[in-house]
Amino acid sequence: IVPLLLWVEAGTMGVVADTALGYPRVTVSVASTTRRFAVEV
């Protein structure tokens, strides 16, 4: 995950990336601020 907002970091913005399914998956959960991000593979 590449954060695109100044005040958040990928690990704290409620966005988690993994490859548990054998391909990229991104899970977005509720957070305290708007999240803007890019998904890099």
PDB file of all heavy atoms in Angstrom:
ATOM      1  N   ILE A   1       0.858  -1.183   0.000  1.00  0.00           N
ATOM      2  CA  ILE A   1       0.000   0.000   0.000  1.00  0.00           C
ATOM      3  C   ILE A   1       0.893   1.232   0.000  1.00  0.00           C
ATOM      4  O   ILE A   1       1.838   1.333   0.773  1.00  0.00           O
ATOM      5  CB  ILE A   1      -0.901   0.023   1.255  1.00  0.00           C
ATOM      6  CG1 ILE A   1      -1.809  -1.206   1.276  1.00  0.00           C
ATOM      7  CG2 ILE A   1      -1.718   1.308   1.324  1.00  0.00           C
ATOM      8  CD1 ILE A   1      -2.720  -1.330   0.082  1.00  0.00           C
ATOM      9  N   VAL A   2       0.585   2.187  -0.874  1.00  0.00           N
ATOM     10  CA  VAL A   2       1.324   3.455  -0.941  1.00  0.00           C
ATOM     11  C   VAL A   2       0.366   4.560  -0.498  1.00  0.00           C
ATOM     12  O   VAL A   2      -0.557   4.910  -1.233  1.00  0.00           O
ATOM     13  CB  VAL A   2       1.830   3.740  -2.371  1.00  0.00           C
ATOM     14  CG1 VAL A   2       2.602   5.048  -2.411  1.00  0.00           C
ATOM     15  CG2 VAL A   2       2.676   2.590  -2.888  1.00  0.00           C
ATOM     16  N   PRO A   3       0.528   5.103   0.728  1.00  0.00           N
ATOM     17  CA  PRO A   3      -0.371   6.156   1.202  1.00  0.00           C
ATOM     18  C   PRO A   3      -0.207   7.422   0.360  1.00  0.00           C
ATOM     19  O   PRO A   3       0.905   7.798   0.002  1.00  0.00           O
ATOM     20  CB  PRO A   3       0.077   6.419   2.632  1.00  0.00           C
ATOM     21  CG  PRO A   3       1.048   5.365   2.970  1.00  0.00           C
ATOM     22  CD  PRO A   3       1.539   4.757   1.708  1.00  0.00           C
ATOM     23  N   LEU A   4      -1.319   8.077   0.054  1.00  0.00           N
ATOM     24  CA  LEU A   4      -1.278   9.290  -0.750  1.00  0.00           C
ATOM     25  C   LEU A   4      -1.762  10.510   0.025  1.00  0.00           C
ATOM     26  O   LEU A   4      -1.985  11.561  -0.565  1.00  0.00           O
ATOM     27  CB  LEU A   4      -2.115   9.117  -2.020  1.00  0.00           C
ATOM     28  CG  LEU A   4      -1.677   7.972  -2.932  1.00  0.00           C
ATOM     29  CD1 LEU A   4      -2.601   7.869  -4.125  1.00  0.00           C
ATOM     30  CD2 LEU A   4      -0.238   8.164  -3.385  1.00  0.00           C
ATOM     31  N   LEU A   5      -1.921  10.375   1.335  1.00  0.00           N
ATOM     32  CA  LEU A   5      -2.278  11.505   2.189  1.00  0.00           C
ATOM     33  C   LEU A   5      -1.146  11.750   3.170  1.00  0.00           C
ATOM     34  O   LEU A   5      -0.563  10.808   3.700  1.00  0.00           O
ATOM     35  CB  LEU A   5      -3.576  11.222   2.960  1.00  0.00           C
ATOM     36  CG  LEU A   5      -4.844  11.157   2.122  1.00  0.00           C
ATOM     37  CD1 LEU A   5      -6.037  10.758   2.994  1.00  0.00           C
ATOM     38  CD2 LEU A   5      -5.129  12.482   1.449  1.00  0.00           C
ATOM     39  N   LEU A   6      -0.864  12.979   3.446  1.00  0.00           N
ATOM     40  CA  LEU A   6       0.274  13.358   4.281  1.00  0.00           C
ATOM     41  C   LEU A   6       0.166  12.831   5.705  1.00  0.00           C
ATOM     42  O   LEU A   6       1.133  12.380   6.281  1.00  0.00           O
ATOM     43  CB  LEU A   6       0.398  14.890   4.295  1.00  0.00           C
ATOM     44  CG  LEU A   6       1.450  15.493   5.214  1.00  0.00           C
ATOM     45  CD1 LEU A   6       2.832  15.026   4.783  1.00  0.00           C
ATOM     46  CD2 LEU A   6       1.368  16.996   5.211  1.00  0.00           C
ATOM     47  N   TRP A   7      -1.009  12.847   6.289  1.00  0.00           N
ATOM     48  CA  TRP A   7      -1.130  12.605   7.718  1.00  0.00           C
ATOM     49  C   TRP A   7      -1.423  11.167   8.117  1.00  0.00           C
ATOM     50  O   TRP A   7      -1.715  10.888   9.259  1.00  0.00           O
ATOM     51  CB  TRP A   7      -2.191  13.520   8.318  1.00  0.00           C
ATOM     52  CG  TRP A   7      -3.549  13.305   7.730  1.00  0.00           C
ATOM     53  CD1 TRP A   7      -4.486  12.403   8.124  1.00  0.00           C
ATOM     54  CD2 TRP A   7      -4.111  13.999   6.627  1.00  0.00           C
ATOM     55  NE1 TRP A   7      -5.586  12.479   7.326  1.00  0.00           N
ATOM     56  CE2 TRP A   7      -5.394  13.459   6.407  1.00  0.00           C
ATOM     57  CE3 TRP A   7      -3.666  15.022   5.788  1.00  0.00           C
ATOM     58  CZ2 TRP A   7      -6.223  13.906   5.380  1.00  0.00           C
ATOM     59  CZ3 TRP A   7      -4.504  15.460   4.782  1.00  0.00           C
ATOM     60  CH2 TRP A   7      -5.753  14.916   4.595  1.00  0.00           C
ATOM     61  N   VAL A   8      -1.353  10.224   7.200  1.00  0.00           N
ATOM     62  CA  VAL A   8      -1.594   8.830   7.567  1.00  0.00           C
ATOM     63  C   VAL A   8      -0.480   7.939   7.051  1.00  0.00           C
ATOM     64  O   VAL A   8       0.190   8.269   6.093  1.00  0.00           O
ATOM     65  CB  VAL A   8      -2.945   8.311   7.025  1.00  0.00           C
ATOM     66  CG1 VAL A   8      -4.098   9.035   7.651  1.00  0.00           C
ATOM     67  CG2 VAL A   8      -3.019   8.400   5.518  1.00  0.00           C
ATOM     68  N   GLU A   9      -0.292   6.847   7.708  1.00  0.00           N
ATOM     69  CA  GLU A   9       0.642   5.818   7.273  1.00  0.00           C
ATOM     70  C   GLU A   9      -0.157   4.561   6.961  1.00  0.00           C
ATOM     71  O   GLU A   9      -1.201   4.311   7.567  1.00  0.00           O
ATOM     72  CB  GLU A   9       1.677   5.523   8.362  1.00  0.00           C
ATOM     73  CG  GLU A   9       2.626   6.679   8.639  1.00  0.00           C
ATOM     74  CD  GLU A   9       3.506   7.013   7.441  1.00  0.00           C
ATOM     75  OE1 GLU A   9       3.848   6.101   6.672  1.00  0.00           O
ATOM     76  OE2 GLU A   9       3.834   8.189   7.289  1.00  0.00           O
ATOM     77  N   ALA A  10       0.319   3.744   6.072  1.00  0.00           N
ATOM     78  CA  ALA A  10      -0.426   2.563   5.615  1.00  0.00           C
ATOM     79  C   ALA A  10      -0.850   1.659   6.775  1.00  0.00           C
ATOM     80  O   ALA A  10      -1.964   1.167   6.795  1.00  0.00           O
ATOM     81  CB  ALA A  10       0.405   1.774   4.608  1.00  0.00           C
ATOM     82  N   GLY A  11       0.010   1.438   7.738  1.00  0.00           N
ATOM     83  CA  GLY A  11      -0.313   0.535   8.839  1.00  0.00           C
ATOM     84  C   GLY A  11      -1.319   1.073   9.828  1.00  0.00           C
ATOM     85  O   GLY A  11      -1.859   0.336  10.629  1.00  0.00           O
ATOM     86  N   THR A  12      -1.602   2.377   9.824  1.00  0.00           N
ATOM     87  CA  THR A  12      -2.494   2.972  10.809  1.00  0.00           C
ATOM     88  C   THR A  12      -3.767   3.544  10.198  1.00  0.00           C
ATOM     89  O   THR A  12      -4.561   4.131  10.901  1.00  0.00           O
ATOM     90  CB  THR A  12      -1.779   4.106  11.567  1.00  0.00           C
ATOM     91  OG1 THR A  12      -1.406   5.116  10.638  1.00  0.00           O
ATOM     92  CG2 THR A  12      -0.560   3.601  12.297  1.00  0.00           C
ATOM     93  N   MET A  13      -3.975   3.363   8.918  1.00  0.00           N
ATOM     94  CA  MET A  13      -5.146   3.973   8.296  1.00  0.00           C
ATOM     95  C   MET A  13      -6.258   2.968   8.012  1.00  0.00           C
ATOM     96  O   MET A  13      -7.185   3.252   7.274  1.00  0.00           O
ATOM     97  CB  MET A  13      -4.759   4.727   7.029  1.00  0.00           C
ATOM     98  CG  MET A  13      -4.225   3.905   5.896  1.00  0.00           C
ATOM     99  SD  MET A  13      -3.798   5.001   4.517  1.00  0.00           S
ATOM    100  CE  MET A  13      -3.427   3.815   3.273  1.00  0.00           C
ATOM    101  N   GLY A  14      -6.187   1.793   8.614  1.00  0.00           N
ATOM    102  CA  GLY A  14      -7.236   0.811   8.423  1.00  0.00           C
ATOM    103  C   GLY A  14      -7.178   0.108   7.081  1.00  0.00           C
ATOM    104  O   GLY A  14      -8.184  -0.395   6.608  1.00  0.00           O
ATOM    105  N   VAL A  15      -6.017   0.069   6.461  1.00  0.00           N
ATOM    106  CA  VAL A  15      -5.841  -0.593   5.171  1.00  0.00           C
ATOM    107  C   VAL A  15      -4.713  -1.613   5.316  1.00  0.00           C
ATOM    108  O   VAL A  15      -3.607  -1.261   5.705  1.00  0.00           O
ATOM    109  CB  VAL A  15      -5.499   0.417   4.053  1.00  0.00           C
ATOM    110  CG1 VAL A  15      -5.309  -0.290   2.726  1.00  0.00           C
ATOM    111  CG2 VAL A  15      -6.576   1.486   3.945  1.00  0.00           C
ATOM    112  N   VAL A  16      -5.020  -2.871   5.007  1.00  0.00           N
ATOM    113  CA  VAL A  16      -4.044  -3.945   5.152  1.00  0.00           C
ATOM    114  C   VAL A  16      -3.975  -4.722   3.844  1.00  0.00           C
ATOM    115  O   VAL A  16      -5.008  -5.053   3.264  1.00  0.00           O
ATOM    116  CB  VAL A  16      -4.438  -4.898   6.303  1.00  0.00           C
ATOM    117  CG1 VAL A  16      -3.463  -6.048   6.414  1.00  0.00           C
ATOM    118  CG2 VAL A  16      -4.538  -4.139   7.613  1.00  0.00           C
ATOM    119  N   ALA A  17      -2.770  -5.012   3.398  1.00  0.00           N
ATOM    120  CA  ALA A  17      -2.565  -5.792   2.171  1.00  0.00           C
ATOM    121  C   ALA A  17      -1.956  -7.137   2.531  1.00  0.00           C
ATOM    122  O   ALA A  17      -1.124  -7.228   3.435  1.00  0.00           O
ATOM    123  CB  ALA A  17      -1.652  -5.035   1.217  1.00  0.00           C
ATOM    124  N   ASP A  18      -2.377  -8.194   1.818  1.00  0.00           N
ATOM    125  CA  ASP A  18      -1.790  -9.518   2.031  1.00  0.00           C
ATOM    126  C   ASP A  18      -1.909 -10.337   0.744  1.00  0.00           C
ATOM    127  O   ASP A  18      -2.545  -9.909  -0.218  1.00  0.00           O
ATOM    128  CB  ASP A  18      -2.466 -10.248   3.202  1.00  0.00           C
ATOM    129  CG  ASP A  18      -3.901 -10.635   2.902  1.00  0.00           C
ATOM    130  OD1 ASP A  18      -4.105 -11.577   2.100  1.00  0.00           O
ATOM    131  OD2 ASP A  18      -4.826 -10.011   3.456  1.00  0.00           O
ATOM    132  N   THR A  19      -1.267 -11.494   0.750  1.00  0.00           N
ATOM    133  CA  THR A  19      -1.336 -12.411  -0.395  1.00  0.00           C
ATOM    134  C   THR A  19      -1.752 -13.803   0.068  1.00  0.00           C
ATOM    135  O   THR A  19      -1.384 -14.805  -0.545  1.00  0.00           O
ATOM    136  CB  THR A  19       0.018 -12.475  -1.129  1.00  0.00           C
ATOM    137  OG1 THR A  19       1.032 -12.838  -0.185  1.00  0.00           O
ATOM    138  CG2 THR A  19       0.372 -11.157  -1.779  1.00  0.00           C
ATOM    139  N   ALA A  20      -2.533 -13.882   1.129  1.00  0.00           N
ATOM    140  CA  ALA A  20      -2.950 -15.162   1.701  1.00  0.00           C
ATOM    141  C   ALA A  20      -3.735 -16.024   0.708  1.00  0.00           C
ATOM    142  O   ALA A  20      -3.746 -17.246   0.824  1.00  0.00           O
ATOM    143  CB  ALA A  20      -3.782 -14.926   2.963  1.00  0.00           C
ATOM    144  N   LEU A  21      -4.384 -15.410  -0.262  1.00  0.00           N
ATOM    145  CA  LEU A  21      -5.164 -16.148  -1.254  1.00  0.00           C
ATOM    146  C   LEU A  21      -4.326 -16.583  -2.452  1.00  0.00           C
ATOM    147  O   LEU A  21      -4.838 -17.207  -3.381  1.00  0.00           O
ATOM    148  CB  LEU A  21      -6.333 -15.285  -1.744  1.00  0.00           C
ATOM    149  CG  LEU A  21      -7.320 -14.818  -0.679  1.00  0.00           C
ATOM    150  CD1 LEU A  21      -8.332 -13.854  -1.277  1.00  0.00           C
ATOM    151  CD2 LEU A  21      -8.023 -16.011  -0.058  1.00  0.00           C
ATOM    152  N   GLY A  22      -3.040 -16.212  -2.458  1.00  0.00           N
ATOM    153  CA  GLY A  22      -2.181 -16.506  -3.599  1.00  0.00           C
ATOM    154  C   GLY A  22      -2.112 -15.351  -4.582  1.00  0.00           C
ATOM    155  O   GLY A  22      -1.388 -15.412  -5.575  1.00  0.00           O
ATOM    156  N   TYR A  23      -2.862 -14.309  -4.321  1.00  0.00           N
ATOM    157  CA  TYR A  23      -2.846 -13.088  -5.121  1.00  0.00           C
ATOM    158  C   TYR A  23      -3.141 -11.909  -4.193  1.00  0.00           C
ATOM    159  O   TYR A  23      -3.607 -12.103  -3.064  1.00  0.00           O
ATOM    160  CB  TYR A  23      -3.856 -13.151  -6.279  1.00  0.00           C
ATOM    161  CG  TYR A  23      -5.258 -13.555  -5.882  1.00  0.00           C
ATOM    162  CD1 TYR A  23      -6.147 -12.618  -5.371  1.00  0.00           C
ATOM    163  CD2 TYR A  23      -5.679 -14.864  -6.031  1.00  0.00           C
ATOM    164  CE1 TYR A  23      -7.430 -12.989  -5.005  1.00  0.00           C
ATOM    165  CE2 TYR A  23      -6.963 -15.234  -5.678  1.00  0.00           C
ATOM    166  CZ  TYR A  23      -7.838 -14.292  -5.165  1.00  0.00           C
ATOM    167  OH  TYR A  23      -9.104 -14.662  -4.814  1.00  0.00           O
ATOM    168  N   PRO A  24      -2.839 -10.682  -4.617  1.00  0.00           N
ATOM    169  CA  PRO A  24      -3.014  -9.531  -3.736  1.00  0.00           C
ATOM    170  C   PRO A  24      -4.471  -9.319  -3.296  1.00  0.00           C
ATOM    171  O   PRO A  24      -5.397  -9.425  -4.098  1.00  0.00           O
ATOM    172  CB  PRO A  24      -2.534  -8.360  -4.585  1.00  0.00           C
ATOM    173  CG  PRO A  24      -1.563  -8.972  -5.535  1.00  0.00           C
ATOM    174  CD  PRO A  24      -2.141 -10.314  -5.854  1.00  0.00           C
ATOM    175  N   ARG A  25      -4.612  -9.040  -1.997  1.00  0.00           N
ATOM    176  CA  ARG A  25      -5.900  -8.680  -1.416  1.00  0.00           C
ATOM    177  C   ARG A  25      -5.676  -7.477  -0.509  1.00  0.00           C
ATOM    178  O   ARG A  25      -4.693  -7.423   0.227  1.00  0.00           O
ATOM    179  CB  ARG A  25      -6.456  -9.841  -0.602  1.00  0.00           C
ATOM    180  CG  ARG A  25      -7.703  -9.475   0.195  1.00  0.00           C
ATOM    181  CD  ARG A  25      -8.282 -10.646   0.937  1.00  0.00           C
ATOM    182  NE  ARG A  25      -7.325 -11.188   1.909  1.00  0.00           N
ATOM    183  CZ  ARG A  25      -7.552 -12.277   2.629  1.00  0.00           C
ATOM    184  NH1 ARG A  25      -8.664 -12.970   2.481  1.00  0.00           N
ATOM    185  NH2 ARG A  25      -6.643 -12.701   3.481  1.00  0.00           N
ATOM    186  N   VAL A  26      -6.572  -6.510  -0.575  1.00  0.00           N
ATOM    187  CA  VAL A  26      -6.499  -5.318   0.274  1.00  0.00           C
ATOM    188  C   VAL A  26      -7.801  -5.237   1.062  1.00  0.00           C
ATOM    189  O   VAL A  26      -8.890  -5.280   0.478  1.00  0.00           O
ATOM    190  CB  VAL A  26      -6.300  -4.042  -0.565  1.00  0.00           C
ATOM    191  CG1 VAL A  26      -6.334  -2.806   0.316  1.00  0.00           C
ATOM    192  CG2 VAL A  26      -4.990  -4.114  -1.342  1.00  0.00           C
ATOM    193  N   THR A  27      -7.684  -5.145   2.389  1.00  0.00           N
ATOM    194  CA  THR A  27      -8.853  -5.032   3.259  1.00  0.00           C
ATOM    195  C   THR A  27      -8.880  -3.629   3.849  1.00  0.00           C
ATOM    196  O   THR A  27      -7.903  -3.179   4.443  1.00  0.00           O
ATOM    197  CB  THR A  27      -8.791  -6.076   4.387  1.00  0.00           C
ATOM    198  OG1 THR A  27      -8.675  -7.374   3.795  1.00  0.00           O
ATOM    199  CG2 THR A  27     -10.044  -6.022   5.252  1.00  0.00           C
ATOM    200  N   VAL A  28     -10.006  -2.942   3.655  1.00  0.00           N
ATOM    201  CA  VAL A  28     -10.193  -1.576   4.156  1.00  0.00           C
ATOM    202  C   VAL A  28     -11.205  -1.643   5.286  1.00  0.00           C
ATOM    203  O   VAL A  28     -12.333  -2.090   5.079  1.00  0.00           O
ATOM    204  CB  VAL A  28     -10.705  -0.634   3.038  1.00  0.00           C
ATOM    205  CG1 VAL A  28     -10.880   0.776   3.559  1.00  0.00           C
ATOM    206  CG2 VAL A  28      -9.776  -0.666   1.834  1.00  0.00           C
ATOM    207  N   SER A  29     -10.803  -1.234   6.485  1.00  0.00           N
ATOM    208  CA  SER A  29     -11.714  -1.219   7.629  1.00  0.00           C
ATOM    209  C   SER A  29     -11.994   0.223   8.047  1.00  0.00           C
ATOM    210  O   SER A  29     -11.388   1.157   7.532  1.00  0.00           O
ATOM    211  CB  SER A  29     -11.122  -2.031   8.788  1.00  0.00           C
ATOM    212  OG  SER A  29      -9.872  -1.515   9.153  1.00  0.00           O
ATOM    213  N   VAL A  30     -12.906   0.396   8.983  1.00  0.00           N
ATOM    214  CA  VAL A  30     -13.260   1.724   9.473  1.00  0.00           C
ATOM    215  C   VAL A  30     -12.029   2.367  10.113  1.00  0.00           C
ATOM    216  O   VAL A  30     -11.259   1.715  10.801  1.00  0.00           O
ATOM    217  CB  VAL A  30     -14.417   1.620  10.493  1.00  0.00           C
ATOM    218  CG1 VAL A  30     -14.696   2.956  11.155  1.00  0.00           C
ATOM    219  CG2 VAL A  30     -15.662   1.087   9.801  1.00  0.00           C
ATOM    220  N   ALA A  31     -11.840   3.648   9.871  1.00  0.00           N
ATOM    221  CA  ALA A  31     -10.705   4.384  10.435  1.00  0.00           C
ATOM    222  C   ALA A  31     -11.172   5.776  10.848  1.00  0.00           C
ATOM    223  O   ALA A  31     -12.329   6.144  10.649  1.00  0.00           O
ATOM    224  CB  ALA A  31      -9.568   4.481   9.422  1.00  0.00           C
ATOM    225  N   SER A  32     -10.266   6.561  11.389  1.00  0.00           N
ATOM    226  CA  SER A  32     -10.636   7.884  11.897  1.00  0.00           C
ATOM    227  C   SER A  32     -10.537   8.981  10.852  1.00  0.00           C
ATOM    228  O   SER A  32     -10.868  10.119  11.134  1.00  0.00           O
ATOM    229  CB  SER A  32      -9.759   8.236  13.098  1.00  0.00           C
ATOM    230  OG  SER A  32      -8.405   8.270  12.699  1.00  0.00           O
ATOM    231  N   THR A  33     -10.096   8.649   9.642  1.00  0.00           N
ATOM    232  CA  THR A  33      -9.912   9.675   8.623  1.00  0.00           C
ATOM    233  C   THR A  33     -10.136   9.094   7.230  1.00  0.00           C
ATOM    234  O   THR A  33     -10.168   7.879   7.061  1.00  0.00           O
ATOM    235  CB  THR A  33      -8.498  10.289   8.714  1.00  0.00           C
ATOM    236  OG1 THR A  33      -8.407  11.395   7.827  1.00  0.00           O
ATOM    237  CG2 THR A  33      -7.413   9.279   8.376  1.00  0.00           C
ATOM    238  N   THR A  34     -10.285   9.947   6.258  1.00  0.00           N
ATOM    239  CA  THR A  34     -10.363   9.512   4.867  1.00  0.00           C
ATOM    240  C   THR A  34      -9.053   8.845   4.476  1.00  0.00           C
ATOM    241  O   THR A  34      -7.983   9.285   4.881  1.00  0.00           O
ATOM    242  CB  THR A  34     -10.617  10.731   3.947  1.00  0.00           C
ATOM    243  OG1 THR A  34     -11.878  11.284   4.302  1.00  0.00           O
ATOM    244  CG2 THR A  34     -10.617  10.346   2.489  1.00  0.00           C
ATOM    245  N   ARG A  35      -9.149   7.776   3.696  1.00  0.00           N
ATOM    246  CA  ARG A  35      -7.956   7.068   3.243  1.00  0.00           C
ATOM    247  C   ARG A  35      -7.846   7.205   1.735  1.00  0.00           C
ATOM    248  O   ARG A  35      -8.781   6.929   1.007  1.00  0.00           O
ATOM    249  CB  ARG A  35      -8.031   5.574   3.581  1.00  0.00           C
ATOM    250  CG  ARG A  35      -7.863   5.233   5.035  1.00  0.00           C
ATOM    251  CD  ARG A  35      -9.019   5.574   5.940  1.00  0.00           C
ATOM    252  NE  ARG A  35     -10.353   5.152   5.519  1.00  0.00           N
ATOM    253  CZ  ARG A  35     -10.853   3.939   5.699  1.00  0.00           C
ATOM    254  NH1 ARG A  35     -10.159   3.010   6.288  1.00  0.00           N
ATOM    255  NH2 ARG A  35     -12.072   3.647   5.302  1.00  0.00           N
ATOM    256  N   ARG A  36      -6.703   7.631   1.243  1.00  0.00           N
ATOM    257  CA  ARG A  36      -6.408   7.674  -0.189  1.00  0.00           C
ATOM    258  C   ARG A  36      -5.095   6.935  -0.366  1.00  0.00           C
ATOM    259  O   ARG A  36      -4.094   7.258   0.275  1.00  0.00           O
ATOM    260  CB  ARG A  36      -6.275   9.104  -0.680  1.00  0.00           C
ATOM    261  CG  ARG A  36      -6.080   9.203  -2.200  1.00  0.00           C
ATOM    262  CD  ARG A  36      -5.950  10.645  -2.664  1.00  0.00           C
ATOM    263  NE  ARG A  36      -7.038  11.457  -2.179  1.00  0.00           N
ATOM    264  CZ  ARG A  36      -6.893  12.731  -1.807  1.00  0.00           C
ATOM    265  NH1 ARG A  36      -5.721  13.326  -1.860  1.00  0.00           N
ATOM    266  NH2 ARG A  36      -7.929  13.421  -1.367  1.00  0.00           N
ATOM    267  N   PHE A  37      -5.091   5.912  -1.225  1.00  0.00           N
ATOM    268  CA  PHE A  37      -3.894   5.083  -1.368  1.00  0.00           C
ATOM    269  C   PHE A  37      -3.827   4.447  -2.741  1.00  0.00           C
ATOM    270  O   PHE A  37      -4.821   4.346  -3.456  1.00  0.00           O
ATOM    271  CB  PHE A  37      -3.891   3.992  -0.289  1.00  0.00           C
ATOM    272  CG  PHE A  37      -5.081   3.068  -0.344  1.00  0.00           C
ATOM    273  CD1 PHE A  37      -5.050   1.905  -1.096  1.00  0.00           C
ATOM    274  CD2 PHE A  37      -6.235   3.382   0.343  1.00  0.00           C
ATOM    275  CE1 PHE A  37      -6.146   1.060  -1.140  1.00  0.00           C
ATOM    276  CE2 PHE A  37      -7.343   2.540   0.308  1.00  0.00           C
ATOM    277  CZ  PHE A  37      -7.301   1.385  -0.448  1.00  0.00           C
ATOM    278  N   ALA A  38      -2.630   4.028  -3.084  1.00  0.00           N
ATOM    279  CA  ALA A  38      -2.393   3.262  -4.306  1.00  0.00           C
ATOM    280  C   ALA A  38      -2.051   1.840  -3.901  1.00  0.00           C
ATOM    281  O   ALA A  38      -1.492   1.599  -2.819  1.00  0.00           O
ATOM    282  CB  ALA A  38      -1.253   3.868  -5.110  1.00  0.00           C
ATOM    283  N   VAL A  39      -2.386   0.895  -4.764  1.00  0.00           N
ATOM    284  CA  VAL A  39      -2.039  -0.516  -4.550  1.00  0.00           C
ATOM    285  C   VAL A  39      -0.934  -0.836  -5.551  1.00  0.00           C
ATOM    286  O   VAL A  39      -1.134  -0.761  -6.761  1.00  0.00           O
ATOM    287  CB  VAL A  39      -3.267  -1.423  -4.797  1.00  0.00           C
ATOM    288  CG1 VAL A  39      -2.869  -2.884  -4.632  1.00  0.00           C
ATOM    289  CG2 VAL A  39      -4.414  -1.051  -3.863  1.00  0.00           C
ATOM    290  N   GLU A  40       0.250  -1.167  -5.026  1.00  0.00           N
ATOM    291  CA  GLU A  40       1.394  -1.504  -5.873  1.00  0.00           C
ATOM    292  C   GLU A  40       1.611  -3.009  -5.833  1.00  0.00           C
ATOM    293  O   GLU A  40       1.649  -3.598  -4.756  1.00  0.00           O
ATOM    294  CB  GLU A  40       2.647  -0.794  -5.395  1.00  0.00           C
ATOM    295  CG  GLU A  40       3.873  -1.138  -6.212  1.00  0.00           C
ATOM    296  CD  GLU A  40       5.150  -0.507  -5.677  1.00  0.00           C
ATOM    297  OE1 GLU A  40       5.126   0.132  -4.625  1.00  0.00           O
ATOM    298  OE2 GLU A  40       6.178  -0.702  -6.328  1.00  0.00           O
ATOM    299  N   VAL A  41       1.738  -3.618  -7.002  1.00  0.00           N
ATOM    300  CA  VAL A  41       2.096  -5.036  -7.060  1.00  0.00           C
ATOM    301  C   VAL A  41       3.450  -5.167  -7.745  1.00  0.00           C
ATOM    302  O   VAL A  41       3.782  -4.374  -8.620  1.00  0.00           O
ATOM    303  CB  VAL A  41       1.026  -5.886  -7.776  1.00  0.00           C
ATOM    304  CG1 VAL A  41      -0.263  -5.896  -6.997  1.00  0.00           C
ATOM    305  CG2 VAL A  41       0.792  -5.417  -9.188  1.00  0.00           C
TER     306      VAL A  41
END
